[in-house]
Amino acid sequence: MAQPQDGTQDAAEVPDDLRAALVRLAADVLGETEPAQTPTALRAVRRFAPRRRASAGALPLWAALQEDAGFRARVTRVWLLAHEGASAPAEPGVAGGQPGDVPALDRAVGAWLQGHPWRDLLRPDAPAPGQDLGARREEAAEREAARLRAALGVARDGERAAREELAALQRELRRLRSDADRARSDARALAAAAAEDARRAAADHAAAAAERAAAAADLRAATAERAVARDTARTGRRLAETRARLLLDTLIDAAGGLRAELALPPVVDLPADLAVPAGAAPADRPTSRGRSVDDPALLDDLLRLPRAHLLVDGYNVSKTGWPGTTLADQRRLVVDGMAALAAQTGAEITCCFDGQPGHRAVATVRGVRVLFTAGETADDLLRRLVAAEPPGRVLVVATSDREIVQDVEAHGAWAVPAVTVVERLRRR
């Protein structure tokens, strides 16, 4: 039995004319192939000019026909479309083979591409004695017809791809129309919702305008009432002052008349002289040792007493010692100095500052309590802190404010001038 002859045989067995026809067909198909579907090995060949593609790219095209099954199948499909009605070649000499008008070389191309026997299709007939230039022209015409049929197959393949692309585009168009319908429906719904929101906003705006007008009317009425009340209060105060002045003048005149009538002698003894027994001397306060409160050493002695508590009028001390610096730097200098003093004496120290909007907070320092007032002055805070301490505890208030000095001394606290504290801090 003869060995099967198909396109998978060694490339050396394929005649040159058959190989050239296969390469020309592959070059035509490659020129009509989309770039995305072009095999990697043939992308450079595809950029060649159509007339040079078959000759310059013969080796890559022939290798692709042998090794790339996808490219070979595409070339085969183009050949079949160009030869509609042509089936697999029959065995030589058997009826039902290729149509008689298909050249033998073209039939061999189709057989090689489809893997069918092709050698018998290329067996040359007995040469005619008078074969001449006409035969060669006929052969050239057959090759041109084969090329045209290949081009026809490529065109038909492109037509089919175009039809598939058209169907895909039509499906995409239907989908886009459906999306557009949904988008229009959503837009109408959103427009209706926006109109409703605008209507509600207009109603709310009208209500707010009415409320604002009513509030303005109430404000005008309240302003008028306050002006009337202010005038009434001013008149009442003037009336009360006039009555009090008249009463005072009456009392003074009556007292003068009574003194003249009784002939009272001048006052010799004063209440303070009578309140203290004769010869009684004021007792010294503990730890004073006869020293003035201006002495920084007295401050050290007081703070070293058990459970001593130093309360500092912050800005009074800072403005005495560092008047040319910012308030933030003044607070920092006072707090840092008090921290060193607390470490040296072991006393409890509290610094009171007037609270101000936007003041910079002072970092927490060990041994020093820093308080900022809220709704009151630092003077009132110092008075409350002194009043909150139990009787008998050593309290030292650092301030030069005479009113604070009088109030804290009334509660038994020591008052030390701000300049004394500043001198003590500077020699630490």
Protein backbone atom coordinates (compact mmCIF):
# COMPACT_ATOMS: atom_id res chain seq x y z
CA MET A 1 0.00 0.00 0.00
CA ALA A 2 1.30 3.49 -0.85
CA GLN A 3 2.33 5.76 2.01
CA PRO A 4 -0.14 8.62 2.73
CA GLN A 5 0.87 11.92 1.26
CA ASP A 6 -0.28 14.95 3.25
CA GLY A 7 0.84 18.39 4.27
CA THR A 8 2.61 17.11 7.37
CA GLN A 9 5.44 15.51 5.37
CA ASP A 10 8.95 16.91 5.33
CA ALA A 11 9.16 20.37 3.77
CA ALA A 12 11.89 19.10 1.42
CA GLU A 13 9.34 16.86 -0.32
CA VAL A 14 7.11 19.80 -1.35
CA PRO A 15 7.91 20.98 -4.89
CA ASP A 16 9.01 24.55 -5.36
CA ASP A 17 6.00 25.53 -7.45
CA LEU A 18 3.58 24.18 -4.81
CA ARG A 19 5.50 25.90 -2.02
CA ALA A 20 5.49 29.17 -3.97
CA ALA A 21 1.72 28.91 -4.52
CA LEU A 22 1.17 28.21 -0.81
CA VAL A 23 3.37 31.17 0.20
CA ARG A 24 1.54 33.51 -2.21
CA LEU A 25 -1.83 32.42 -0.80
CA ALA A 26 -0.55 32.85 2.77
CA ALA A 27 0.78 36.34 1.92
CA ASP A 28 -2.62 37.37 0.51
CA VAL A 29 -4.42 36.05 3.61
CA LEU A 30 -1.90 37.79 5.91
CA GLY A 31 -2.55 41.13 4.20
CA GLU A 32 -6.28 40.84 4.98
CA THR A 33 -5.81 39.65 8.58
CA GLU A 34 -6.50 42.06 11.44
CA PRO A 35 -3.40 43.14 13.43
CA ALA A 36 -4.78 41.63 16.64
CA GLN A 37 -5.17 38.21 14.91
CA THR A 38 -1.76 38.25 13.21
CA PRO A 39 0.68 35.61 14.56
CA THR A 40 3.62 37.09 16.41
CA ALA A 41 6.15 35.65 13.95
CA LEU A 42 4.38 37.32 10.99
CA ARG A 43 3.81 40.84 12.37
CA ALA A 44 6.96 42.14 10.71
CA VAL A 45 6.03 40.40 7.41
CA ARG A 46 2.57 42.00 7.48
CA ARG A 47 4.18 45.45 7.35
CA PHE A 48 5.87 44.61 4.02
CA ALA A 49 4.45 45.98 0.77
CA PRO A 50 1.93 43.55 -0.81
CA ARG A 51 4.20 42.90 -3.84
CA ARG A 52 7.19 42.08 -1.60
CA ARG A 53 5.33 40.17 1.07
CA ALA A 54 5.43 36.77 -0.66
CA SER A 55 9.08 37.04 -1.73
CA ALA A 56 10.65 38.82 1.27
CA GLY A 57 8.62 36.89 3.84
CA ALA A 58 8.66 33.47 2.18
CA LEU A 59 10.52 31.70 4.99
CA PRO A 60 8.36 33.04 7.89
CA LEU A 61 5.18 32.40 5.89
CA TRP A 62 6.19 28.83 5.06
CA ALA A 63 7.19 28.18 8.70
CA ALA A 64 3.84 29.57 9.90
CA LEU A 65 1.94 27.29 7.50
CA GLN A 66 3.78 24.30 8.92
CA GLU A 67 3.85 25.21 12.64
CA ASP A 68 0.92 27.58 13.35
CA ALA A 69 -2.28 25.52 13.16
CA GLY A 70 -4.49 28.61 13.58
CA PHE A 71 -2.90 30.51 10.70
CA ARG A 72 -2.98 27.40 8.49
CA ALA A 73 -6.68 26.90 9.30
CA ARG A 74 -7.38 30.51 8.33
CA VAL A 75 -5.58 30.07 5.00
CA THR A 76 -7.49 26.81 4.43
CA ARG A 77 -10.80 28.54 5.13
CA VAL A 78 -9.97 31.26 2.61
CA TRP A 79 -9.09 28.64 -0.02
CA LEU A 80 -12.37 26.78 0.59
CA LEU A 81 -14.39 30.00 0.35
CA ALA A 82 -12.66 30.79 -2.94
CA HIS A 83 -13.44 27.28 -4.27
CA GLU A 84 -17.02 26.83 -3.13
CA GLY A 85 -18.28 23.40 -4.12
CA ALA A 86 -14.82 21.86 -4.03
CA SER A 87 -14.58 19.03 -1.53
CA ALA A 88 -11.71 16.90 -0.46
CA PRO A 89 -9.83 15.61 -3.51
CA ALA A 90 -10.72 12.10 -4.52
CA GLU A 91 -8.27 9.38 -5.21
CA PRO A 92 -6.76 9.72 -8.63
CA GLY A 93 -8.87 8.18 -11.32
CA VAL A 94 -12.00 8.09 -9.13
CA ALA A 95 -15.12 10.03 -10.16
CA GLY A 96 -16.31 12.86 -8.00
CA GLY A 97 -12.91 14.55 -7.66
CA GLN A 98 -12.06 18.22 -8.18
CA PRO A 99 -13.88 20.05 -10.96
CA GLY A 100 -12.08 19.88 -14.19
CA ASP A 101 -11.65 23.67 -14.47
CA VAL A 102 -9.56 23.94 -11.26
CA PRO A 103 -5.86 23.87 -12.13
CA ALA A 104 -3.85 20.96 -10.80
CA LEU A 105 -1.53 23.26 -8.82
CA ASP A 106 -4.48 25.00 -7.17
CA ARG A 107 -6.00 21.61 -6.30
CA ALA A 108 -2.68 20.52 -4.84
CA VAL A 109 -2.64 23.68 -2.69
CA GLY A 110 -6.07 22.82 -1.28
CA ALA A 111 -5.07 19.19 -0.72
CA TRP A 112 -1.86 20.20 1.10
CA LEU A 113 -3.71 22.67 3.31
CA GLN A 114 -6.39 20.09 4.22
CA GLY A 115 -3.87 17.33 4.82
CA HIS A 116 -5.01 15.23 1.86
CA PRO A 117 -2.78 13.42 -0.67
CA TRP A 118 -1.49 15.92 -3.18
CA ARG A 119 1.38 14.23 -5.09
CA ASP A 120 -0.83 12.55 -7.68
CA LEU A 121 -2.42 15.91 -8.43
CA LEU A 122 0.97 17.24 -9.54
CA ARG A 123 1.92 14.33 -11.85
CA PRO A 124 2.79 16.00 -15.12
CA ASP A 125 0.98 14.87 -18.25
CA ALA A 126 2.98 13.80 -21.24
CA PRO A 127 4.47 16.92 -22.70
CA ALA A 128 3.03 17.90 -26.02
CA PRO A 129 5.54 18.07 -28.81
CA GLY A 130 4.57 21.58 -29.65
CA GLN A 131 4.39 23.08 -26.11
CA ASP A 132 5.50 26.68 -26.41
CA LEU A 133 4.96 30.13 -25.10
CA GLY A 134 1.18 29.69 -25.17
CA ALA A 135 1.38 26.91 -22.59
CA ARG A 136 3.46 29.09 -20.31
CA ARG A 137 0.98 31.90 -20.71
CA GLU A 138 -1.83 29.51 -19.87
CA GLU A 139 0.04 28.42 -16.75
CA ALA A 140 0.54 32.07 -15.76
CA ALA A 141 -3.14 32.70 -16.32
CA GLU A 142 -3.97 29.75 -14.12
CA ARG A 143 -1.73 31.13 -11.38
CA GLU A 144 -3.41 34.53 -11.69
CA ALA A 145 -6.81 32.85 -11.51
CA ALA A 146 -5.69 31.00 -8.39
CA ARG A 147 -4.52 34.28 -6.88
CA LEU A 148 -7.82 35.93 -7.70
CA ARG A 149 -9.72 33.01 -6.20
CA ALA A 150 -7.60 33.37 -3.05
CA ALA A 151 -8.40 37.08 -2.96
CA LEU A 152 -12.06 36.20 -3.41
CA GLY A 153 -11.82 33.84 -0.44
CA VAL A 154 -10.19 36.54 1.63
CA ALA A 155 -12.95 38.96 0.64
CA ARG A 156 -15.64 36.44 1.55
CA ASP A 157 -13.96 35.79 4.88
CA GLY A 158 -13.83 39.53 5.51
CA GLU A 159 -17.49 39.81 4.55
CA ARG A 160 -18.41 37.13 7.07
CA ALA A 161 -16.36 38.87 9.77
CA ALA A 162 -18.01 42.17 8.85
CA ARG A 163 -21.45 40.58 9.12
CA GLU A 164 -20.56 39.19 12.56
CA GLU A 165 -19.24 42.58 13.63
CA LEU A 166 -22.42 44.23 12.30
CA ALA A 167 -24.55 41.81 14.32
CA ALA A 168 -22.47 42.56 17.42
CA LEU A 169 -22.83 46.30 16.82
CA GLN A 170 -26.59 45.91 16.39
CA ARG A 171 -26.77 44.03 19.70
CA GLU A 172 -24.68 46.75 21.34
CA LEU A 173 -26.97 49.40 19.81
CA ARG A 174 -30.03 47.68 21.27
CA ARG A 175 -28.31 47.50 24.67
CA LEU A 176 -27.36 51.18 24.51
CA ARG A 177 -30.92 52.12 23.54
CA SER A 178 -32.21 50.15 26.53
CA ASP A 179 -29.69 51.87 28.80
CA ALA A 180 -30.70 55.25 27.35
CA ASP A 181 -34.38 54.50 28.05
CA ARG A 182 -33.55 53.59 31.63
CA ALA A 183 -31.39 56.70 31.99
CA ARG A 184 -34.20 58.91 30.69
CA SER A 185 -36.62 57.29 33.12
CA ASP A 186 -34.20 57.81 35.99
CA ALA A 187 -33.64 61.41 34.89
CA ARG A 188 -37.39 62.07 34.86
CA ALA A 189 -37.68 60.58 38.35
CA LEU A 190 -34.76 62.68 39.59
CA ALA A 191 -36.22 65.80 38.00
CA ALA A 192 -39.55 65.17 39.73
CA ALA A 193 -37.77 64.63 43.06
CA ALA A 194 -35.72 67.79 42.53
CA ALA A 195 -38.88 69.78 41.77
CA GLU A 196 -40.49 68.47 44.95
CA ASP A 197 -37.37 69.36 46.95
CA ALA A 198 -37.38 72.84 45.42
CA ARG A 199 -41.04 73.29 46.35
CA ARG A 200 -40.35 72.23 49.93
CA ALA A 201 -37.30 74.49 50.09
CA ALA A 202 -39.38 77.43 48.88
CA ALA A 203 -42.00 76.71 51.53
CA ASP A 204 -39.32 76.43 54.22
CA HIS A 205 -37.76 79.68 53.01
CA ALA A 206 -41.11 81.46 53.22
CA ALA A 207 -41.70 80.09 56.72
CA ALA A 208 -38.20 81.16 57.79
CA ALA A 209 -38.78 84.64 56.37
CA ALA A 210 -42.04 84.92 58.32
CA GLU A 211 -40.30 83.77 61.51
CA ARG A 212 -37.49 86.25 60.90
CA ALA A 213 -39.99 89.08 60.44
CA ALA A 214 -41.79 88.09 63.65
CA ALA A 215 -38.48 87.92 65.51
CA ALA A 216 -37.52 91.37 64.21
CA ALA A 217 -40.84 92.76 65.42
CA ASP A 218 -40.32 91.14 68.84
CA LEU A 219 -36.80 92.60 68.97
CA ARG A 220 -38.08 96.08 68.20
CA ALA A 221 -40.76 95.76 70.88
CA ALA A 222 -38.23 94.47 73.42
CA THR A 223 -35.84 97.31 72.56
CA ALA A 224 -38.59 99.86 73.10
CA GLU A 225 -39.59 98.24 76.40
CA ARG A 226 -35.95 98.21 77.56
CA ALA A 227 -35.59 101.90 76.70
CA VAL A 228 -38.72 102.69 78.70
CA ALA A 229 -37.47 100.57 81.60
CA ARG A 230 -34.05 102.29 81.46
CA ASP A 231 -35.69 105.73 81.57
CA THR A 232 -37.92 104.64 84.43
CA ALA A 233 -34.96 103.23 86.37
CA ARG A 234 -32.92 106.40 85.76
CA THR A 235 -35.79 108.54 87.01
CA GLY A 236 -36.21 106.28 90.05
CA ARG A 237 -32.49 106.48 90.87
CA ARG A 238 -32.52 110.26 90.64
CA LEU A 239 -35.59 110.38 92.86
CA ALA A 240 -33.98 108.06 95.42
CA GLU A 241 -30.72 110.07 95.36
CA THR A 242 -32.64 113.28 95.83
CA ARG A 243 -34.60 111.85 98.76
CA ALA A 244 -31.47 110.40 100.37
CA ARG A 245 -29.58 113.69 99.94
CA LEU A 246 -32.48 115.58 101.45
CA LEU A 247 -32.66 113.14 104.37
CA LEU A 248 -28.88 113.35 104.88
CA ASP A 249 -28.95 117.13 104.91
CA THR A 250 -31.79 116.98 107.41
CA LEU A 251 -29.83 114.58 109.67
CA ILE A 252 -26.66 116.69 109.45
CA ASP A 253 -28.57 119.81 110.35
CA ALA A 254 -30.29 117.98 113.20
CA ALA A 255 -26.98 116.57 114.50
CA GLY A 256 -25.34 120.00 114.36
CA GLY A 257 -28.22 121.49 116.24
CA LEU A 258 -28.12 118.67 118.81
CA ARG A 259 -24.31 119.09 119.33
CA ALA A 260 -24.75 122.81 119.81
CA GLU A 261 -27.67 122.27 122.15
CA LEU A 262 -25.86 119.63 124.27
CA ALA A 263 -22.46 121.39 124.12
CA LEU A 264 -20.61 118.00 123.68
CA PRO A 265 -16.81 118.07 124.24
CA PRO A 266 -14.35 116.82 121.53
CA VAL A 267 -13.67 113.04 121.35
CA VAL A 268 -10.54 112.05 123.27
CA ASP A 269 -10.64 108.24 123.33
CA LEU A 270 -10.90 106.20 120.13
CA PRO A 271 -12.52 102.73 119.93
CA ALA A 272 -9.29 101.10 118.92
CA ASP A 273 -7.56 102.48 122.00
CA LEU A 274 -10.27 101.02 124.19
CA ALA A 275 -10.46 97.64 122.45
CA VAL A 276 -6.89 96.62 123.39
CA PRO A 277 -5.90 96.61 127.06
CA ALA A 278 -3.18 99.02 127.98
CA GLY A 279 0.32 97.61 127.66
CA ALA A 280 -0.79 94.73 125.44
CA ALA A 281 1.61 94.20 122.50
CA PRO A 282 0.66 92.43 119.29
CA ALA A 283 1.81 88.84 119.21
CA ASP A 284 4.32 87.91 116.56
CA ARG A 285 3.09 85.56 113.85
CA PRO A 286 4.86 82.21 113.70
CA THR A 287 8.19 82.15 111.81
CA SER A 288 8.29 85.89 111.40
CA ARG A 289 11.39 86.33 113.61
CA GLY A 290 10.82 90.04 113.38
CA ARG A 291 11.45 90.12 109.61
CA SER A 292 9.44 91.98 106.98
CA VAL A 293 7.35 90.16 104.39
CA ASP A 294 9.61 91.79 101.78
CA ASP A 295 12.44 89.47 102.87
CA PRO A 296 12.78 86.48 100.42
CA ALA A 297 14.25 84.41 103.26
CA LEU A 298 10.91 84.68 105.11
CA LEU A 299 9.22 83.21 102.02
CA ASP A 300 11.57 80.20 102.15
CA ASP A 301 10.89 79.70 105.88
CA LEU A 302 7.13 79.81 105.33
CA LEU A 303 7.21 77.38 102.40
CA ARG A 304 9.33 74.88 104.35
CA LEU A 305 6.69 74.59 107.08
CA PRO A 306 4.67 71.35 106.99
CA ARG A 307 1.88 71.30 104.40
CA ALA A 308 2.54 74.90 103.34
CA HIS A 309 0.55 76.12 100.33
CA LEU A 310 1.70 79.00 98.08
CA LEU A 311 -1.03 80.66 95.98
CA VAL A 312 0.32 82.93 93.21
CA ASP A 313 -1.54 85.81 91.54
CA GLY A 314 -0.04 84.82 88.16
CA TYR A 315 -0.24 87.96 86.04
CA ASN A 316 0.44 90.24 89.06
CA VAL A 317 3.77 88.46 89.59
CA SER A 318 4.64 88.03 85.88
CA LYS A 319 3.96 91.66 84.96
CA THR A 320 6.06 92.77 87.93
CA GLY A 321 9.05 90.66 86.91
CA TRP A 322 8.85 90.50 83.08
CA PRO A 323 6.60 93.32 81.84
CA GLY A 324 8.21 93.47 78.38
CA THR A 325 7.43 89.88 77.31
CA THR A 326 4.26 88.32 75.93
CA LEU A 327 1.66 86.86 78.26
CA ALA A 328 2.48 83.34 77.09
CA ASP A 329 6.18 83.83 77.90
CA GLN A 330 5.25 85.42 81.25
CA ARG A 331 3.15 82.38 82.17
CA ARG A 332 5.98 80.04 81.16
CA LEU A 333 8.58 81.94 83.25
CA VAL A 334 6.34 82.00 86.33
CA VAL A 335 5.40 78.32 86.09
CA ASP A 336 8.99 77.19 85.46
CA GLY A 337 10.23 79.25 88.42
CA MET A 338 7.50 77.86 90.67
CA ALA A 339 8.43 74.32 89.64
CA ALA A 340 12.00 74.90 90.83
CA LEU A 341 10.71 76.49 94.06
CA ALA A 342 8.42 73.51 94.68
CA ALA A 343 11.31 71.12 94.19
CA GLN A 344 13.44 73.07 96.70
CA THR A 345 10.83 73.59 99.44
CA GLY A 346 8.35 70.74 98.94
CA ALA A 347 5.43 73.16 99.27
CA GLU A 348 2.17 72.92 97.36
CA ILE A 349 2.04 75.69 94.74
CA THR A 350 -1.00 76.93 92.79
CA CYS A 351 -0.76 79.58 90.04
CA CYS A 352 -3.96 81.45 89.15
CA PHE A 353 -4.33 83.27 85.81
CA ASP A 354 -7.23 85.20 84.33
CA GLY A 355 -8.77 83.04 81.60
CA GLN A 356 -8.68 84.64 78.14
CA PRO A 357 -10.13 83.32 74.84
CA GLY A 358 -7.42 81.80 72.67
CA HIS A 359 -4.63 81.80 75.28
CA ARG A 360 -1.96 79.21 74.77
CA ALA A 361 -2.10 76.37 77.30
CA VAL A 362 0.83 75.88 79.65
CA ALA A 363 2.51 72.48 79.65
CA THR A 364 1.91 70.41 82.77
CA VAL A 365 4.73 70.91 85.28
CA ARG A 366 5.38 68.57 88.19
CA GLY A 367 4.57 70.13 91.58
CA VAL A 368 2.71 73.19 90.18
CA ARG A 369 -1.04 73.48 89.74
CA VAL A 370 -1.99 75.95 86.98
CA LEU A 371 -5.58 77.28 87.02
CA PHE A 372 -7.31 79.55 84.50
CA THR A 373 -10.48 81.34 85.58
CA ALA A 374 -13.78 80.90 83.78
CA GLY A 375 -16.50 83.44 84.48
CA GLU A 376 -14.55 85.13 87.30
CA THR A 377 -11.28 86.95 87.94
CA ALA A 378 -8.10 85.48 89.33
CA ASP A 379 -8.61 87.69 92.43
CA ASP A 380 -11.93 85.98 93.20
CA LEU A 381 -10.37 82.57 92.55
CA LEU A 382 -7.59 83.32 95.07
CA ARG A 383 -10.17 84.38 97.68
CA ARG A 384 -12.14 81.14 97.12
CA LEU A 385 -9.02 79.00 97.40
CA VAL A 386 -7.97 80.70 100.67
CA ALA A 387 -11.47 80.38 102.09
CA ALA A 388 -11.54 76.67 101.18
CA GLU A 389 -8.38 75.88 103.21
CA PRO A 390 -8.82 74.67 106.82
CA PRO A 391 -7.87 77.03 109.68
CA GLY A 392 -4.30 76.59 110.91
CA ARG A 393 -2.71 75.59 107.58
CA VAL A 394 0.16 77.78 106.41
CA LEU A 395 -1.13 79.76 103.41
CA VAL A 396 1.08 82.21 101.52
CA VAL A 397 -0.46 84.45 98.86
CA ALA A 398 1.96 86.11 96.40
CA THR A 399 0.35 89.37 95.20
CA SER A 400 0.72 93.14 95.40
CA ASP A 401 -3.03 93.77 95.12
CA ARG A 402 -4.01 95.54 98.37
CA GLU A 403 -7.63 94.34 98.26
CA ILE A 404 -6.54 90.72 97.95
CA VAL A 405 -3.96 91.23 100.71
CA GLN A 406 -6.62 92.53 103.09
CA ASP A 407 -9.05 89.73 102.26
CA VAL A 408 -6.56 86.86 102.59
CA GLU A 409 -4.98 88.23 105.76
CA ALA A 410 -8.48 88.33 107.24
CA HIS A 411 -8.55 84.55 106.75
CA GLY A 412 -5.15 84.08 108.41
CA ALA A 413 -3.00 83.82 105.28
CA TRP A 414 0.41 85.42 104.74
CA ALA A 415 0.61 88.00 101.94
CA VAL A 416 3.98 88.35 100.17
CA PRO A 417 4.56 91.15 97.60
CA ALA A 418 5.05 90.14 93.99
CA VAL A 419 8.50 91.78 93.86
CA THR A 420 9.68 89.51 96.72
CA VAL A 421 8.60 86.41 94.78
CA VAL A 422 10.32 87.69 91.61
CA GLU A 423 13.58 88.27 93.51
CA ARG A 424 13.34 84.78 95.00
CA LEU A 425 12.80 83.24 91.54
CA ARG A 426 15.72 85.13 90.02
CA ARG A 427 18.22 83.82 92.61
CA ARG A 428 17.16 80.17 92.31
